[in-house]
N, C-alpha and C. Protein backbone atom coordinates (compact mmCIF):
# COMPACT_ATOMS: atom_id res chain seq x y z
N MET A 1 44.52 88.64 116.50
CA MET A 1 44.72 89.95 117.79
C MET A 1 45.75 89.98 117.97
N THR A 2 46.27 91.00 118.96
CA THR A 2 47.27 91.31 119.53
C THR A 2 47.39 91.52 120.66
N SER A 3 48.17 90.76 121.86
CA SER A 3 48.01 91.20 123.44
C SER A 3 48.87 92.67 123.32
N ARG A 4 48.72 92.36 124.61
CA ARG A 4 49.47 93.98 125.26
C ARG A 4 51.22 93.78 125.21
N HIS A 5 51.53 92.44 125.15
CA HIS A 5 52.80 92.41 125.06
C HIS A 5 53.38 91.79 123.66
N GLY A 6 52.71 92.09 122.64
CA GLY A 6 52.80 91.89 121.27
C GLY A 6 52.93 90.66 120.76
N SER A 7 51.91 89.86 121.59
CA SER A 7 52.13 88.31 121.04
C SER A 7 50.89 88.02 120.27
N SER A 8 51.09 87.06 119.30
CA SER A 8 49.35 87.37 118.57
C SER A 8 49.94 86.01 118.01
N GLU A 9 48.53 85.19 116.82
CA GLU A 9 48.58 83.96 116.46
C GLU A 9 50.27 83.89 115.86
N ARG A 10 50.84 84.57 115.04
CA ARG A 10 52.07 84.33 114.28
C ARG A 10 53.32 84.37 114.76
N GLY A 11 53.01 85.42 116.09
CA GLY A 11 54.25 85.74 117.09
C GLY A 11 54.34 84.48 117.91
N GLU A 12 53.42 83.97 118.04
CA GLU A 12 53.83 82.36 118.85
C GLU A 12 54.14 81.77 118.09
N ARG A 13 53.71 81.13 116.74
CA ARG A 13 54.06 80.23 116.08
C ARG A 13 56.13 80.91 115.51
N ASP A 14 56.03 82.03 115.87
CA ASP A 14 57.52 82.06 115.71
C ASP A 14 58.51 81.94 116.83
N ARG A 15 57.84 82.05 118.16
CA ARG A 15 58.05 81.36 119.14
C ARG A 15 58.50 80.01 119.40
N ASP A 16 57.88 79.06 118.59
CA ASP A 16 58.18 77.87 118.70
C ASP A 16 59.54 77.04 117.31
N ARG A 17 59.78 78.09 116.70
CA ARG A 17 61.10 77.71 115.62
C ARG A 17 61.63 77.85 116.52
N PRO A 18 63.22 77.32 116.11
CA PRO A 18 64.24 77.59 116.27
C PRO A 18 65.10 78.43 116.22
N ARG A 19 65.57 79.32 116.90
CA ARG A 19 66.41 80.68 116.53
C ARG A 19 67.58 80.49 115.20
N ARG A 20 67.84 81.07 114.28
CA ARG A 20 68.65 81.11 113.86
C ARG A 20 69.49 81.57 114.50
N ARG A 21 71.31 80.98 114.34
CA ARG A 21 72.44 81.28 115.48
C ARG A 21 72.85 82.56 114.96
N GLN A 22 72.94 83.52 115.57
CA GLN A 22 73.69 84.82 115.32
C GLN A 22 75.21 84.55 114.60
N ARG A 23 75.61 85.22 113.72
CA ARG A 23 76.93 85.35 113.09
C ARG A 23 78.15 85.45 114.50
N PRO A 24 79.03 84.30 114.59
CA PRO A 24 79.84 84.76 115.76
C PRO A 24 80.58 86.37 115.71
N ARG A 25 80.98 86.76 116.94
CA ARG A 25 81.82 87.94 116.23
C ARG A 25 83.15 87.95 115.70
N ARG A 26 84.02 89.08 115.52
CA ARG A 26 85.27 88.87 114.86
C ARG A 26 85.99 88.57 115.28
N ASP A 27 86.19 88.57 116.69
CA ASP A 27 86.99 87.76 117.24
C ASP A 27 86.85 85.96 117.70
N GLU A 28 85.46 86.01 117.30
CA GLU A 28 85.37 84.20 117.55
C GLU A 28 85.26 83.62 116.27
N ARG A 29 85.33 84.40 115.09
CA ARG A 29 85.45 83.55 113.52
C ARG A 29 86.80 82.59 113.47
N ARG A 30 85.71 81.63 112.65
CA ARG A 30 87.23 80.58 112.97
C ARG A 30 87.82 80.97 111.68
N GLU A 31 89.25 80.18 111.67
CA GLU A 31 90.04 80.76 110.36
C GLU A 31 89.72 80.49 109.07
N GLY A 32 89.95 80.93 108.19
CA GLY A 32 89.55 80.91 106.42
C GLY A 32 88.76 81.61 106.06
N GLY A 33 88.16 82.77 106.64
CA GLY A 33 87.13 83.98 106.27
C GLY A 33 87.55 84.68 105.44
N PRO A 34 86.97 85.83 104.96
CA PRO A 34 87.63 86.56 104.31
C PRO A 34 88.85 87.68 104.67
N GLY A 35 88.42 87.54 106.17
CA GLY A 35 89.90 88.48 106.56
C GLY A 35 91.06 87.73 106.51
N ASP A 36 91.17 86.44 106.81
CA ASP A 36 92.54 85.62 106.58
C ASP A 36 92.97 85.69 105.28
N GLU A 37 92.02 85.83 104.20
CA GLU A 37 92.57 85.55 102.62
C GLU A 37 93.01 86.56 102.71
N LYS A 38 92.91 87.99 103.30
CA LYS A 38 93.13 89.48 102.32
C LYS A 38 94.96 89.04 103.61
N GLU A 39 94.69 88.79 104.73
CA GLU A 39 96.22 89.07 105.37
C GLU A 39 97.22 88.12 104.70
N ARG A 40 96.49 86.72 104.13
CA ARG A 40 97.33 86.26 103.50
C ARG A 40 97.79 86.71 102.24
N ILE A 41 97.01 86.88 101.72
CA ILE A 41 97.63 87.99 100.45
C ILE A 41 98.25 88.95 100.41
N GLU A 42 98.34 89.81 101.57
CA GLU A 42 99.44 90.62 101.97
C GLU A 42 100.59 90.19 102.45
N ARG A 43 100.85 89.16 103.41
CA ARG A 43 102.35 88.52 103.72
C ARG A 43 102.76 88.10 102.39
N ASP A 44 102.35 87.45 101.74
CA ASP A 44 102.61 86.96 100.43
C ASP A 44 103.29 88.08 99.38
N PHE A 45 102.24 89.34 99.27
CA PHE A 45 102.77 90.20 98.88
C PHE A 45 104.66 90.87 99.29
N GLU A 46 104.36 90.60 100.34
CA GLU A 46 105.41 91.34 101.69
C GLU A 46 106.67 90.62 101.12
N ARG A 47 106.34 89.21 100.94
CA ARG A 47 107.72 87.97 100.76
C ARG A 47 107.80 88.33 99.42
N GLU A 48 107.21 88.66 98.50
CA GLU A 48 107.66 88.74 97.12
C GLU A 48 108.04 90.07 96.64
N ILE A 49 107.88 90.91 97.67
CA ILE A 49 108.56 92.43 97.52
C ILE A 49 110.22 92.43 98.21
N GLY A 50 109.72 91.33 99.44
CA GLY A 50 111.57 91.14 99.74
C GLY A 50 112.55 90.26 98.79
N MET A 51 111.72 89.27 98.44
CA MET A 51 112.48 88.74 97.42
C MET A 51 113.25 89.40 96.45
N ARG A 52 112.02 90.44 95.83
CA ARG A 52 113.02 91.15 94.43
C ARG A 52 113.86 92.17 95.26
N ILE A 53 113.86 92.44 96.46
CA ILE A 53 114.88 93.20 97.11
C ILE A 53 115.93 92.90 97.44
N GLY A 54 116.28 91.38 98.08
CA GLY A 54 116.88 90.73 98.29
C GLY A 54 117.92 90.60 96.45
N TYR A 55 117.21 90.15 95.89
CA TYR A 55 118.26 89.86 94.73
C TYR A 55 118.16 91.44 93.78
N PHE A 56 117.52 92.54 93.96
CA PHE A 56 118.15 93.78 93.48
C PHE A 56 119.43 94.12 94.56
N LEU A 57 119.58 93.93 95.85
CA LEU A 57 120.53 94.52 96.83
C LEU A 57 121.76 93.57 96.17
N ASP A 58 121.65 92.36 95.66
CA ASP A 58 122.68 91.21 95.30
C ASP A 58 123.08 91.76 93.78
N SER A 59 122.32 92.27 93.32
CA SER A 59 122.96 92.98 91.60
C SER A 59 123.78 94.30 91.45
N ASP A 60 124.32 94.44 90.66
CA ASP A 60 125.05 95.32 90.51
C ASP A 60 123.74 96.78 90.08
N GLU A 61 122.65 96.68 89.88
CA GLU A 61 121.67 97.28 89.38
C GLU A 61 121.45 98.58 90.50
N GLU A 62 121.21 99.82 89.79
CA GLU A 62 121.30 101.21 91.22
C GLU A 62 119.92 101.29 91.16
N GLU A 63 118.93 101.06 90.47
CA GLU A 63 117.44 101.06 90.15
C GLU A 63 116.47 100.02 90.07
N LEU A 64 115.78 99.62 91.01
CA LEU A 64 114.46 98.63 90.03
C LEU A 64 112.95 99.09 90.03
N GLU A 65 112.52 99.25 89.17
CA GLU A 65 111.31 99.99 88.84
C GLU A 65 110.30 98.72 88.78
N LEU A 66 109.43 98.59 89.82
CA LEU A 66 108.58 97.41 89.92
C LEU A 66 107.58 97.88 89.18
N GLU A 67 106.27 96.72 89.15
CA GLU A 67 105.32 97.17 88.35
C GLU A 67 104.45 98.05 88.78
N PRO A 68 103.43 98.74 88.04
CA PRO A 68 102.24 100.06 88.45
C PRO A 68 101.44 98.79 89.08
N MET A 69 100.87 99.53 90.48
CA MET A 69 100.42 99.11 91.82
C MET A 69 99.20 99.92 92.51
N ASN A 70 98.28 99.56 93.08
CA ASN A 70 97.33 100.86 93.50
C ASN A 70 98.36 101.47 94.66
N SER A 71 97.55 102.48 95.47
CA SER A 71 98.44 103.52 96.25
C SER A 71 99.03 102.43 97.81
N TYR A 72 97.63 101.31 97.78
CA TYR A 72 98.15 100.89 99.22
C TYR A 72 99.26 99.65 99.26
N ARG A 73 99.32 99.27 98.04
CA ARG A 73 100.86 98.43 98.01
C ARG A 73 102.00 99.53 97.24
N ARG A 74 101.86 99.91 97.03
CA ARG A 74 102.79 101.36 96.79
C ARG A 74 103.08 101.61 98.42
N ARG A 75 102.34 102.01 99.21
CA ARG A 75 102.89 102.57 100.36
C ARG A 75 103.86 101.35 101.19
N MET A 76 102.86 100.26 100.63
CA MET A 76 103.73 98.53 101.35
C MET A 76 105.23 98.61 101.20
N VAL A 77 105.38 98.64 100.00
CA VAL A 77 106.70 98.85 98.82
C VAL A 77 107.78 99.85 99.84
N HIS A 78 107.23 101.56 100.10
CA HIS A 78 107.78 102.38 100.59
C HIS A 78 107.97 101.54 102.09
N ASN A 79 107.38 101.48 102.41
CA ASN A 79 107.76 100.77 103.90
C ASN A 79 108.82 99.92 104.26
N ILE A 80 108.57 98.92 102.93
CA ILE A 80 109.54 97.57 103.03
C ILE A 80 111.15 98.13 102.86
N ALA A 81 111.16 98.74 101.85
CA ALA A 81 112.46 99.79 101.44
C ALA A 81 113.01 100.67 102.44
N LYS A 82 112.15 101.00 103.19
CA LYS A 82 113.14 101.83 104.31
C LYS A 82 113.69 100.74 105.31
N GLU A 83 113.28 99.50 105.50
CA GLU A 83 113.96 98.30 106.39
C GLU A 83 115.45 98.33 105.64
N TYR A 84 115.40 98.16 104.28
CA TYR A 84 116.72 98.19 103.60
C TYR A 84 118.10 99.62 103.72
N ASN A 85 116.95 100.65 103.66
CA ASN A 85 117.61 101.93 103.89
C ASN A 85 117.77 102.41 102.01
N LEU A 86 116.84 101.85 101.79
CA LEU A 86 116.69 102.46 99.90
C LEU A 86 116.09 103.60 100.17
N ALA A 87 116.16 104.02 99.00
CA ALA A 87 115.66 105.24 98.60
C ALA A 87 114.56 104.63 97.53
N THR A 88 112.83 105.20 97.52
CA THR A 88 111.80 105.12 96.70
C THR A 88 111.41 106.38 96.12
N GLU A 89 110.78 106.00 94.77
CA GLU A 89 109.87 107.12 94.21
C GLU A 89 109.00 106.85 93.83
N SER A 90 107.91 107.27 93.77
CA SER A 90 106.22 106.82 92.70
C SER A 90 106.44 107.91 91.75
N ARG A 91 106.67 107.11 90.41
CA ARG A 91 106.77 107.35 89.58
C ARG A 91 105.14 106.92 88.59
N GLY A 92 105.16 108.20 87.16
CA GLY A 92 104.11 107.47 86.49
C GLY A 92 102.62 108.17 86.72
N GLU A 93 101.70 108.38 85.98
CA GLU A 93 100.31 108.69 86.39
C GLU A 93 99.00 107.98 86.51
N ASP A 94 98.18 107.94 87.33
CA ASP A 94 97.11 107.23 87.52
C ASP A 94 97.35 105.71 87.91
N ARG A 95 96.50 104.96 86.80
CA ARG A 95 96.92 103.57 86.84
C ARG A 95 98.05 102.93 86.96
N GLU A 96 98.82 103.57 86.14
CA GLU A 96 100.38 103.23 85.68
C GLU A 96 101.84 103.85 87.06
N ARG A 97 100.89 104.32 87.95
CA ARG A 97 101.92 104.49 88.94
C ARG A 97 102.56 103.53 89.43
N TYR A 98 103.95 103.90 89.71
CA TYR A 98 104.81 102.51 90.06
C TYR A 98 105.75 103.11 90.92
N VAL A 99 106.32 101.98 91.93
CA VAL A 99 107.47 102.55 92.73
C VAL A 99 108.80 102.20 92.37
N THR A 100 109.63 103.12 92.14
CA THR A 100 111.29 102.64 91.84
C THR A 100 112.03 102.60 93.21
N LEU A 101 112.72 101.85 93.52
CA LEU A 101 113.72 101.62 94.45
C LEU A 101 115.00 101.73 93.97
N ILE A 102 115.94 102.51 94.65
CA ILE A 102 117.24 103.06 94.26
C ILE A 102 118.15 103.15 95.46
N LYS A 103 119.02 102.35 95.47
CA LYS A 103 119.74 102.28 96.04
C LYS A 103 120.73 103.41 96.98
N THR A 104 121.46 103.58 98.05
CA THR A 104 121.95 104.66 98.60
C THR A 104 123.29 103.91 99.41
N GLU A 105 123.84 104.93 99.62
CA GLU A 105 125.33 104.65 100.43
C GLU A 105 124.55 103.68 101.91
N ALA A 106 123.67 104.06 102.22
CA ALA A 106 123.24 103.21 103.78
C ALA A 106 122.67 102.43 103.25
N THR A 107 122.35 101.80 102.11
CA THR A 107 121.78 100.54 101.81
C THR A 107 122.28 99.68 102.61
N GLU A 108 121.48 98.55 103.22
CA GLU A 108 122.03 97.54 103.42
C GLU A 108 122.02 95.73 102.73
N ALA A 109 122.70 95.13 103.04
CA ALA A 109 122.43 93.87 102.49
C ALA A 109 120.30 92.91 102.98
N SER A 110 120.50 92.23 102.27
CA SER A 110 118.84 91.56 103.06
C SER A 110 118.85 91.12 104.19
N PRO A 111 118.25 91.28 105.26
CA PRO A 111 118.83 90.82 106.81
C PRO A 111 118.29 89.35 106.69
N VAL A 112 116.93 88.73 105.45
CA VAL A 112 116.29 87.72 104.90
C VAL A 112 116.92 87.46 103.91
N ARG A 113 118.11 86.24 103.77
CA ARG A 113 118.45 86.46 102.80
C ARG A 113 117.56 85.86 101.31
N ALA A 114 117.81 85.98 99.96
CA ALA A 114 116.87 85.48 99.40
C ALA A 114 117.05 83.90 98.92
N PRO A 115 116.00 83.42 98.53
CA PRO A 115 116.02 82.08 98.97
C PRO A 115 116.95 81.57 97.92
N ARG A 116 117.29 81.66 96.24
CA ARG A 116 118.24 81.50 95.48
C ARG A 116 118.45 82.37 94.53
N LEU A 117 120.13 82.81 94.59
CA LEU A 117 120.16 83.52 93.60
C LEU A 117 120.85 82.38 92.41
N TRP A 118 120.32 82.40 91.13
CA TRP A 118 120.30 81.74 90.33
C TRP A 118 121.68 81.97 89.67
N ASP A 119 122.26 80.97 89.19
CA ASP A 119 123.55 81.31 88.47
C ASP A 119 123.86 79.35 87.70
N PHE A 120 123.49 79.41 86.24
CA PHE A 120 123.67 78.10 85.77
C PHE A 120 125.21 78.03 85.49
N GLY A 121 126.32 78.57 86.03
CA GLY A 121 127.39 78.67 85.45
C GLY A 121 127.69 78.96 83.81
N THR A 122 128.29 77.97 83.23
CA THR A 122 128.38 77.98 81.64
C THR A 122 127.63 77.41 80.37
N GLN A 123 126.53 77.25 81.49
CA GLN A 123 125.30 76.70 80.44
C GLN A 123 124.71 77.82 79.57
N THR A 124 124.98 77.59 78.38
CA THR A 124 124.31 78.78 77.68
C THR A 124 122.99 78.43 76.82
N PHE A 125 122.10 79.43 76.84
CA PHE A 125 121.08 79.29 76.25
C PHE A 125 121.12 80.45 74.73
N ARG A 126 120.62 79.25 73.80
CA ARG A 126 120.82 79.78 72.48
C ARG A 126 119.26 80.43 72.13
N ILE A 127 119.33 81.32 71.25
CA ILE A 127 117.94 81.74 71.14
C ILE A 127 118.38 82.36 69.31
N ASN A 128 116.94 82.57 69.19
CA ASN A 128 117.53 83.57 67.32
C ASN A 128 116.78 84.74 67.51
N PRO A 129 117.18 85.92 68.28
CA PRO A 129 117.00 86.99 68.41
C PRO A 129 116.22 88.08 67.19
N GLY A 130 116.05 87.68 66.47
CA GLY A 130 115.81 88.89 65.05
C GLY A 130 116.20 89.96 65.33
N SER A 131 116.16 90.77 64.10
CA SER A 131 116.93 91.85 64.46
C SER A 131 116.57 93.18 65.38
N GLY A 132 115.45 92.88 66.28
CA GLY A 132 114.98 93.63 67.25
C GLY A 132 115.51 93.06 68.97
N GLY A 133 115.94 91.75 68.70
CA GLY A 133 116.27 91.47 69.89
C GLY A 133 115.09 90.14 70.38
N MET A 134 115.26 89.64 71.63
CA MET A 134 114.10 88.90 72.10
C MET A 134 114.42 89.27 73.57
N HIS A 135 112.86 89.48 74.03
CA HIS A 135 112.68 89.98 75.58
C HIS A 135 112.91 88.88 76.31
N MET A 136 113.80 88.44 77.03
CA MET A 136 113.76 87.17 78.36
C MET A 136 113.67 87.50 79.47
N ALA A 137 113.12 86.69 80.22
CA ALA A 137 112.85 87.11 81.78
C ALA A 137 113.35 85.29 82.24
N LEU A 138 114.06 86.10 83.84
CA LEU A 138 114.36 84.79 84.53
C LEU A 138 113.38 85.22 85.56
N LYS A 139 112.51 83.56 85.69
CA LYS A 139 111.77 84.11 87.01
C LYS A 139 112.35 83.53 88.09
N LEU A 140 111.24 83.80 89.36
CA LEU A 140 111.66 83.38 90.88
C LEU A 140 112.24 82.02 90.97
N ASP A 141 111.49 80.83 89.74
CA ASP A 141 111.83 79.58 89.99
C ASP A 141 113.03 79.29 89.36
N GLY A 142 113.51 79.98 88.92
CA GLY A 142 114.73 79.49 87.91
C GLY A 142 114.48 79.58 86.36
N SER A 143 112.79 79.78 86.26
CA SER A 143 112.94 79.64 84.73
C SER A 143 113.24 80.27 83.94
N VAL A 144 113.66 80.15 82.13
CA VAL A 144 113.96 81.20 81.40
C VAL A 144 112.83 81.19 80.35
N GLU A 145 112.41 82.33 80.17
CA GLU A 145 110.95 82.23 79.41
C GLU A 145 110.69 83.83 78.40
N LEU A 146 109.97 83.54 77.75
CA LEU A 146 109.77 85.18 77.20
C LEU A 146 109.50 85.96 78.11
N PHE A 147 109.61 87.64 77.81
CA PHE A 147 109.21 87.92 79.10
C PHE A 147 107.51 88.26 78.63
N ASP A 148 107.04 88.52 79.70
CA ASP A 148 105.56 88.68 79.67
C ASP A 148 105.13 89.39 80.83
N THR A 149 104.09 90.73 80.74
CA THR A 149 103.98 91.60 81.41
C THR A 149 103.42 90.95 82.77
N ALA A 150 102.13 90.20 82.12
CA ALA A 150 101.54 89.53 83.36
C ALA A 150 102.19 88.65 83.79
N ASP A 151 103.35 88.25 84.48
CA ASP A 151 104.28 87.27 84.59
C ASP A 151 105.22 88.53 85.66
N LYS A 152 105.01 89.62 85.70
CA LYS A 152 106.14 90.47 86.04
C LYS A 152 106.60 90.64 87.38
N LYS A 153 105.62 89.66 88.33
CA LYS A 153 105.56 89.91 89.84
C LYS A 153 106.59 88.63 90.44
N HIS A 154 106.72 87.32 89.60
CA HIS A 154 107.29 86.53 89.39
C HIS A 154 108.65 86.74 88.76
N ILE A 155 109.05 87.60 88.12
CA ILE A 155 110.26 87.36 87.86
C ILE A 155 111.67 88.03 88.16
N ILE A 156 112.80 88.01 88.20
CA ILE A 156 113.78 88.03 88.74
C ILE A 156 114.41 89.76 87.86
N THR A 157 114.47 89.59 87.37
CA THR A 157 114.94 89.88 86.25
C THR A 157 114.85 89.78 84.73
N ASP A 158 114.81 90.93 84.10
CA ASP A 158 114.20 91.11 82.02
C ASP A 158 115.21 91.65 81.67
N ARG A 159 115.16 91.51 80.18
CA ARG A 159 115.86 92.48 79.71
C ARG A 159 115.85 91.99 77.85
N VAL A 160 116.17 92.58 77.15
CA VAL A 160 116.34 92.18 75.74
C VAL A 160 117.66 91.74 75.29
N VAL A 161 118.02 90.57 74.73
CA VAL A 161 119.03 90.31 74.49
C VAL A 161 118.90 89.83 73.08
N LYS A 162 120.45 90.52 72.50
CA LYS A 162 120.54 90.82 71.05
C LYS A 162 121.65 89.91 70.29
N SER A 163 122.03 89.03 70.91
CA SER A 163 123.30 87.85 70.82
C SER A 163 121.99 86.77 70.16
N SER A 164 122.54 85.99 70.27
CA SER A 164 121.92 84.52 69.71
C SER A 164 122.20 83.80 70.67
N GLU A 165 123.10 84.25 71.71
CA GLU A 165 123.04 83.28 73.18
C GLU A 165 122.93 84.30 74.47
N PHE A 166 122.83 83.88 75.09
CA PHE A 166 122.86 84.22 76.85
C PHE A 166 123.12 83.43 77.71
N ARG A 167 123.79 83.93 79.32
CA ARG A 167 123.86 82.96 80.29
C ARG A 167 123.33 83.51 81.43
N ILE A 168 122.81 82.47 82.50
CA ILE A 168 122.40 83.28 83.67
C ILE A 168 123.40 82.89 84.96
N ARG A 169 123.97 84.19 85.22
CA ARG A 169 125.15 84.17 86.27
C ARG A 169 124.47 85.16 87.15
N ARG A 170 124.59 84.51 88.49
CA ARG A 170 124.67 85.68 89.65
C ARG A 170 122.97 86.32 89.85
N GLY A 171 121.78 85.68 89.23
CA GLY A 171 120.20 85.92 89.00
C GLY A 171 120.37 87.35 88.20
N ARG A 172 121.27 87.36 86.89
CA ARG A 172 121.10 88.45 85.94
C ARG A 172 121.43 87.99 84.73
N ILE A 173 120.87 88.50 83.50
CA ILE A 173 120.79 87.56 81.90
C ILE A 173 122.21 88.33 81.90
N VAL A 174 122.89 87.60 80.91
CA VAL A 174 124.38 87.50 80.38
C VAL A 174 124.54 87.67 79.14
N GLU A 175 125.00 88.67 78.17
CA GLU A 175 124.87 88.51 77.05
C GLU A 175 126.92 88.22 76.77
N PRO A 176 127.56 87.44 75.48
CA PRO A 176 129.00 87.22 75.52
C PRO A 176 129.03 88.55 75.44
N GLY A 177 130.74 88.89 75.75
CA GLY A 177 131.17 90.18 76.24
C GLY A 177 131.35 91.12 77.25
N GLU A 178 130.04 90.72 78.19
CA GLU A 178 129.64 91.45 79.48
C GLU A 178 130.36 91.07 80.47
N PRO A 179 130.63 91.54 81.67
CA PRO A 179 131.14 91.23 82.68
C PRO A 179 130.40 89.64 83.40
N GLY A 180 131.22 88.90 83.67
CA GLY A 180 130.52 87.62 84.45
C GLY A 180 129.95 86.61 83.39
N TYR A 181 129.94 86.70 81.84
CA TYR A 181 129.93 86.16 80.94
C TYR A 181 130.75 84.60 80.86
């Protein structure tokens, strides 16, 4: 039976139970929540792009094609590139759309220097490239490996090496006979 105020036998039992604590408001949530993870991922992405731009600015290359990414990340890249006066273009179709960074006369050196420009001096890496060459990659941590598209975000530079040896000079893969070898 229900009283005028909505209490019943069942309602009285519910009143005696401890209340479940409500979720804290957004501004009261402790660190480590889903929002923090998203922000951390964005900061890591911005840091990664900044490092790659730093290496690009120190290189002799005029253009740098980044891996395909979603529209949100492409917009982030366009905005970061503005800080260095780099021109940008989005190229490709659908899921294969990517950003190309292009140096201009107004392009400036990185305000935050890239952590390390790998240079192994006269150390020579010997390989057996076969008839088509071997696609090699220099990674951010200084390791030199066979190119793998899954590692694209950790790569400073990559190229197909056709000679039996190469060196790492000023963040580039250099073959015999090329400047800087």
